[in-house]
Structure formats: C-alpha cells, structure tokens
C-alpha cells in the first residue's frame, strides 16, 4: 500500500506529513495515512480550471 497522494498522474508525498491509524482494540498502528495540505489540494485542482 502506498502512503502517498496521487495528484495529476503522479504519486508523491503529502506536504503536511502523515498520521497513524490505530487499531483501537489492539492499540497498535495499522498504517500511516498521508495528511493533505492546502497546497496539495491546490495542486490537484489547478488542472481542472
């Protein structure tokens, strides 16, 4: 599984880092999820204009 954003046909790391998704029953981290910044959103929507 990729821990990246797919923006405009390319995989890339988010500019705002990542955060863990935790299994509440076991208390352990399942995966890291990329946090999307406002700049990432702008990059994704820019070609749509």
PDB file of N, CA and C in Angstrom:
ATOM      1  N   UNK A   1       0.857  -1.189   0.000  1.00  0.00           N
ATOM      2  CA  UNK A   1       0.000   0.000   0.000  1.00  0.00           C
ATOM      3  C   UNK A   1       0.894   1.240   0.000  1.00  0.00           C
ATOM      4  N   UNK A   2       0.541   2.180  -0.815  1.00  0.00           N
ATOM      5  CA  UNK A   2       1.308   3.421  -0.868  1.00  0.00           C
ATOM      6  C   UNK A   2       0.831   4.384   0.220  1.00  0.00           C
ATOM      7  N   UNK A   3       1.779   5.074   0.785  1.00  0.00           N
ATOM      8  CA  UNK A   3       1.474   6.122   1.744  1.00  0.00           C
ATOM      9  C   UNK A   3       1.780   7.458   1.069  1.00  0.00           C
ATOM     10  N   UNK A   4       1.126   7.665  -0.080  1.00  0.00           N
ATOM     11  CA  UNK A   4       1.353   8.865  -0.863  1.00  0.00           C
ATOM     12  C   UNK A   4       0.038   9.356  -1.462  1.00  0.00           C
ATOM     13  N   UNK A   5       0.092  10.544  -2.033  1.00  0.00           N
ATOM     14  CA  UNK A   5      -1.062  11.115  -2.730  1.00  0.00           C
ATOM     15  C   UNK A   5      -0.888  10.908  -4.232  1.00  0.00           C
ATOM     16  N   UNK A   6      -1.978  10.653  -4.926  1.00  0.00           N
ATOM     17  CA  UNK A   6      -1.948  10.537  -6.382  1.00  0.00           C
ATOM     18  C   UNK A   6      -2.526  11.823  -6.948  1.00  0.00           C
ATOM     19  N   UNK A   7      -1.656  12.687  -7.442  1.00  0.00           N
ATOM     20  CA  UNK A   7      -2.068  14.002  -7.931  1.00  0.00           C
ATOM     21  C   UNK A   7      -1.553  14.179  -9.353  1.00  0.00           C
ATOM     22  N   UNK A   8      -2.473  14.447 -10.254  1.00  0.00           N
ATOM     23  CA  UNK A   8      -2.141  14.725 -11.652  1.00  0.00           C
ATOM     24  C   UNK A   8      -1.270  13.635 -12.275  1.00  0.00           C
ATOM     25  N   UNK A   9      -1.632  12.390 -12.022  1.00  0.00           N
ATOM     26  CA  UNK A   9      -0.954  11.268 -12.646  1.00  0.00           C
ATOM     27  C   UNK A   9       0.359  10.855 -12.006  1.00  0.00           C
ATOM     28  N   UNK A  10       0.669  11.402 -10.834  1.00  0.00           N
ATOM     29  CA  UNK A  10       1.925  11.071 -10.174  1.00  0.00           C
ATOM     30  C   UNK A  10       1.702  10.777  -8.698  1.00  0.00           C
ATOM     31  N   UNK A  11       2.420   9.788  -8.173  1.00  0.00           N
ATOM     32  CA  UNK A  11       2.429   9.514  -6.743  1.00  0.00           C
ATOM     33  C   UNK A  11       3.446  10.436  -6.095  1.00  0.00           C
ATOM     34  N   UNK A  12       3.085  11.018  -4.957  1.00  0.00           N
ATOM     35  CA  UNK A  12       4.036  11.877  -4.246  1.00  0.00           C
ATOM     36  C   UNK A  12       3.669  11.962  -2.774  1.00  0.00           C
ATOM     37  N   UNK A  13       4.637  12.331  -1.988  1.00  0.00           N
ATOM     38  CA  UNK A  13       4.411  12.502  -0.553  1.00  0.00           C
ATOM     39  C   UNK A  13       3.589  13.766  -0.317  1.00  0.00           C
ATOM     40  N   UNK A  14       2.743  13.749   0.691  1.00  0.00           N
ATOM     41  CA  UNK A  14       1.999  14.950   1.055  1.00  0.00           C
ATOM     42  C   UNK A  14       2.926  15.946   1.726  1.00  0.00           C
ATOM     43  N   UNK A  15       2.620  17.199   1.594  1.00  0.00           N
ATOM     44  CA  UNK A  15       3.470  18.245   2.180  1.00  0.00           C
ATOM     45  C   UNK A  15       3.269  18.391   3.677  1.00  0.00           C
ATOM     46  N   UNK A  16       2.183  17.831   4.204  1.00  0.00           N
ATOM     47  CA  UNK A  16       1.874  18.009   5.623  1.00  0.00           C
ATOM     48  C   UNK A  16       2.220  16.777   6.465  1.00  0.00           C
ATOM     49  N   UNK A  17       3.006  15.861   5.916  1.00  0.00           N
ATOM     50  CA  UNK A  17       3.417  14.695   6.678  1.00  0.00           C
ATOM     51  C   UNK A  17       2.363  13.600   6.682  1.00  0.00           C
ATOM     52  N   UNK A  18       2.315  12.845   7.775  1.00  0.00           N
ATOM     53  CA  UNK A  18       1.360  11.753   7.878  1.00  0.00           C
ATOM     54  C   UNK A  18       0.917  11.577   9.328  1.00  0.00           C
ATOM     55  N   UNK A  19      -0.085  10.728   9.513  1.00  0.00           N
ATOM     56  CA  UNK A  19      -0.558  10.442  10.869  1.00  0.00           C
ATOM     57  C   UNK A  19      -0.931   8.968  10.953  1.00  0.00           C
ATOM     58  N   UNK A  20      -0.835   8.372  12.136  1.00  0.00           N
ATOM     59  CA  UNK A  20      -1.112   6.949  12.269  1.00  0.00           C
ATOM     60  C   UNK A  20      -2.600   6.643  12.346  1.00  0.00           C
ATOM     61  N   UNK A  21      -2.981   5.486  11.801  1.00  0.00           N
ATOM     62  CA  UNK A  21      -4.313   4.925  12.008  1.00  0.00           C
ATOM     63  C   UNK A  21      -4.117   3.784  13.000  1.00  0.00           C
ATOM     64  N   UNK A  22      -4.784   3.884  14.147  1.00  0.00           N
ATOM     65  CA  UNK A  22      -4.565   2.951  15.241  1.00  0.00           C
ATOM     66  C   UNK A  22      -5.742   2.000  15.397  1.00  0.00           C
ATOM     67  N   UNK A  23      -5.442   0.719  15.578  1.00  0.00           N
ATOM     68  CA  UNK A  23      -6.445  -0.298  15.884  1.00  0.00           C
ATOM     69  C   UNK A  23      -6.837  -0.094  17.342  1.00  0.00           C
ATOM     70  N   UNK A  24      -8.071   0.346  17.613  1.00  0.00           N
ATOM     71  CA  UNK A  24      -8.454   0.653  18.990  1.00  0.00           C
ATOM     72  C   UNK A  24      -8.495  -0.574  19.900  1.00  0.00           C
ATOM     73  N   UNK A  25      -8.741  -1.732  19.352  1.00  0.00           N
ATOM     74  CA  UNK A  25      -8.794  -2.944  20.169  1.00  0.00           C
ATOM     75  C   UNK A  25      -7.398  -3.385  20.611  1.00  0.00           C
ATOM     76  N   UNK A  26      -6.449  -3.288  19.693  1.00  0.00           N
ATOM     77  CA  UNK A  26      -5.094  -3.743  19.991  1.00  0.00           C
ATOM     78  C   UNK A  26      -4.171  -2.611  20.439  1.00  0.00           C
ATOM     79  N   UNK A  27      -4.577  -1.368  20.111  1.00  0.00           N
ATOM     80  CA  UNK A  27      -3.759  -0.221  20.472  1.00  0.00           C
ATOM     81  C   UNK A  27      -2.488  -0.085  19.648  1.00  0.00           C
ATOM     82  N   UNK A  28      -2.442  -0.742  18.498  1.00  0.00           N
ATOM     83  CA  UNK A  28      -1.236  -0.645  17.675  1.00  0.00           C
ATOM     84  C   UNK A  28      -1.545   0.059  16.353  1.00  0.00           C
ATOM     85  N   UNK A  29      -0.512   0.602  15.758  1.00  0.00           N
ATOM     86  CA  UNK A  29      -0.651   1.301  14.491  1.00  0.00           C
ATOM     87  C   UNK A  29      -0.861   0.299  13.363  1.00  0.00           C
ATOM     88  N   UNK A  30      -1.907   0.543  12.558  1.00  0.00           N
ATOM     89  CA  UNK A  30      -2.209  -0.292  11.398  1.00  0.00           C
ATOM     90  C   UNK A  30      -1.419   0.205  10.188  1.00  0.00           C
ATOM     91  N   UNK A  31      -1.470   1.517   9.981  1.00  0.00           N
ATOM     92  CA  UNK A  31      -0.785   2.133   8.836  1.00  0.00           C
ATOM     93  C   UNK A  31      -0.605   3.619   9.116  1.00  0.00           C
ATOM     94  N   UNK A  32       0.160   4.258   8.284  1.00  0.00           N
ATOM     95  CA  UNK A  32       0.306   5.715   8.306  1.00  0.00           C
ATOM     96  C   UNK A  32      -0.492   6.267   7.131  1.00  0.00           C
ATOM     97  N   UNK A  33      -1.220   7.339   7.362  1.00  0.00           N
ATOM     98  CA  UNK A  33      -2.045   7.968   6.333  1.00  0.00           C
ATOM     99  C   UNK A  33      -1.458   9.335   6.008  1.00  0.00           C
ATOM    100  N   UNK A  34      -1.323   9.621   4.716  1.00  0.00           N
ATOM    101  CA  UNK A  34      -0.782  10.911   4.293  1.00  0.00           C
ATOM    102  C   UNK A  34      -1.761  12.024   4.610  1.00  0.00           C
ATOM    103  N   UNK A  35      -1.250  13.066   5.238  1.00  0.00           N
ATOM    104  CA  UNK A  35      -2.062  14.247   5.543  1.00  0.00           C
ATOM    105  C   UNK A  35      -1.939  15.204   4.363  1.00  0.00           C
ATOM    106  N   UNK A  36      -3.070  15.660   3.846  1.00  0.00           N
ATOM    107  CA  UNK A  36      -3.089  16.535   2.679  1.00  0.00           C
ATOM    108  C   UNK A  36      -3.107  17.998   3.101  1.00  0.00           C
ATOM    109  N   UNK A  37      -2.192  18.773   2.580  1.00  0.00           N
ATOM    110  CA  UNK A  37      -2.135  20.199   2.884  1.00  0.00           C
ATOM    111  C   UNK A  37      -2.982  20.986   1.885  1.00  0.00           C
ATOM    112  N   UNK A  38      -3.187  22.245   2.177  1.00  0.00           N
ATOM    113  CA  UNK A  38      -3.920  23.120   1.258  1.00  0.00           C
ATOM    114  C   UNK A  38      -3.181  23.225  -0.077  1.00  0.00           C
ATOM    115  N   UNK A  39      -1.848  23.221  -0.033  1.00  0.00           N
ATOM    116  CA  UNK A  39      -1.056  23.294  -1.262  1.00  0.00           C
ATOM    117  C   UNK A  39      -1.259  22.039  -2.117  1.00  0.00           C
ATOM    118  N   UNK A  40      -1.367  20.862  -1.458  1.00  0.00           N
ATOM    119  CA  UNK A  40      -1.630  19.623  -2.199  1.00  0.00           C
ATOM    120  C   UNK A  40      -2.983  19.694  -2.902  1.00  0.00           C
ATOM    121  N   UNK A  41      -3.973  20.218  -2.214  1.00  0.00           N
ATOM    122  CA  UNK A  41      -5.308  20.353  -2.805  1.00  0.00           C
ATOM    123  C   UNK A  41      -5.265  21.319  -3.987  1.00  0.00           C
ATOM    124  N   UNK A  42      -4.559  22.426  -3.831  1.00  0.00           N
ATOM    125  CA  UNK A  42      -4.428  23.379  -4.936  1.00  0.00           C
ATOM    126  C   UNK A  42      -3.759  22.737  -6.149  1.00  0.00           C
ATOM    127  N   UNK A  43      -2.705  21.934  -5.906  1.00  0.00           N
ATOM    128  CA  UNK A  43      -2.028  21.251  -6.998  1.00  0.00           C
ATOM    129  C   UNK A  43      -2.968  20.293  -7.729  1.00  0.00           C
ATOM    130  N   UNK A  44      -3.835  19.627  -6.976  1.00  0.00           N
ATOM    131  CA  UNK A  44      -4.763  18.668  -7.572  1.00  0.00           C
ATOM    132  C   UNK A  44      -5.871  19.351  -8.365  1.00  0.00           C
ATOM    133  N   UNK A  45      -6.310  20.495  -7.929  1.00  0.00           N
ATOM    134  CA  UNK A  45      -7.436  21.125  -8.621  1.00  0.00           C
ATOM    135  C   UNK A  45      -7.019  22.122  -9.695  1.00  0.00           C
ATOM    136  N   UNK A  46      -5.761  22.529  -9.676  1.00  0.00           N
ATOM    137  CA  UNK A  46      -5.276  23.517 -10.651  1.00  0.00           C
ATOM    138  C   UNK A  46      -5.542  23.092 -12.099  1.00  0.00           C
ATOM    139  N   UNK A  47      -5.266  21.843 -12.503  1.00  0.00           N
ATOM    140  CA  UNK A  47      -5.521  21.446 -13.893  1.00  0.00           C
ATOM    141  C   UNK A  47      -7.013  21.408 -14.255  1.00  0.00           C
ATOM    142  N   UNK A  48      -7.872  21.436 -13.272  1.00  0.00           N
ATOM    143  CA  UNK A  48      -9.317  21.359 -13.526  1.00  0.00           C
ATOM    144  C   UNK A  48      -9.907  22.704 -13.921  1.00  0.00           C
ATOM    145  N   UNK A  49      -9.150  23.746 -13.793  1.00  0.00           N
ATOM    146  CA  UNK A  49      -9.670  25.082 -14.087  1.00  0.00           C
ATOM    147  C   UNK A  49      -9.674  25.369 -15.556  1.00  0.00           C
TER     148      UNK A  49
END
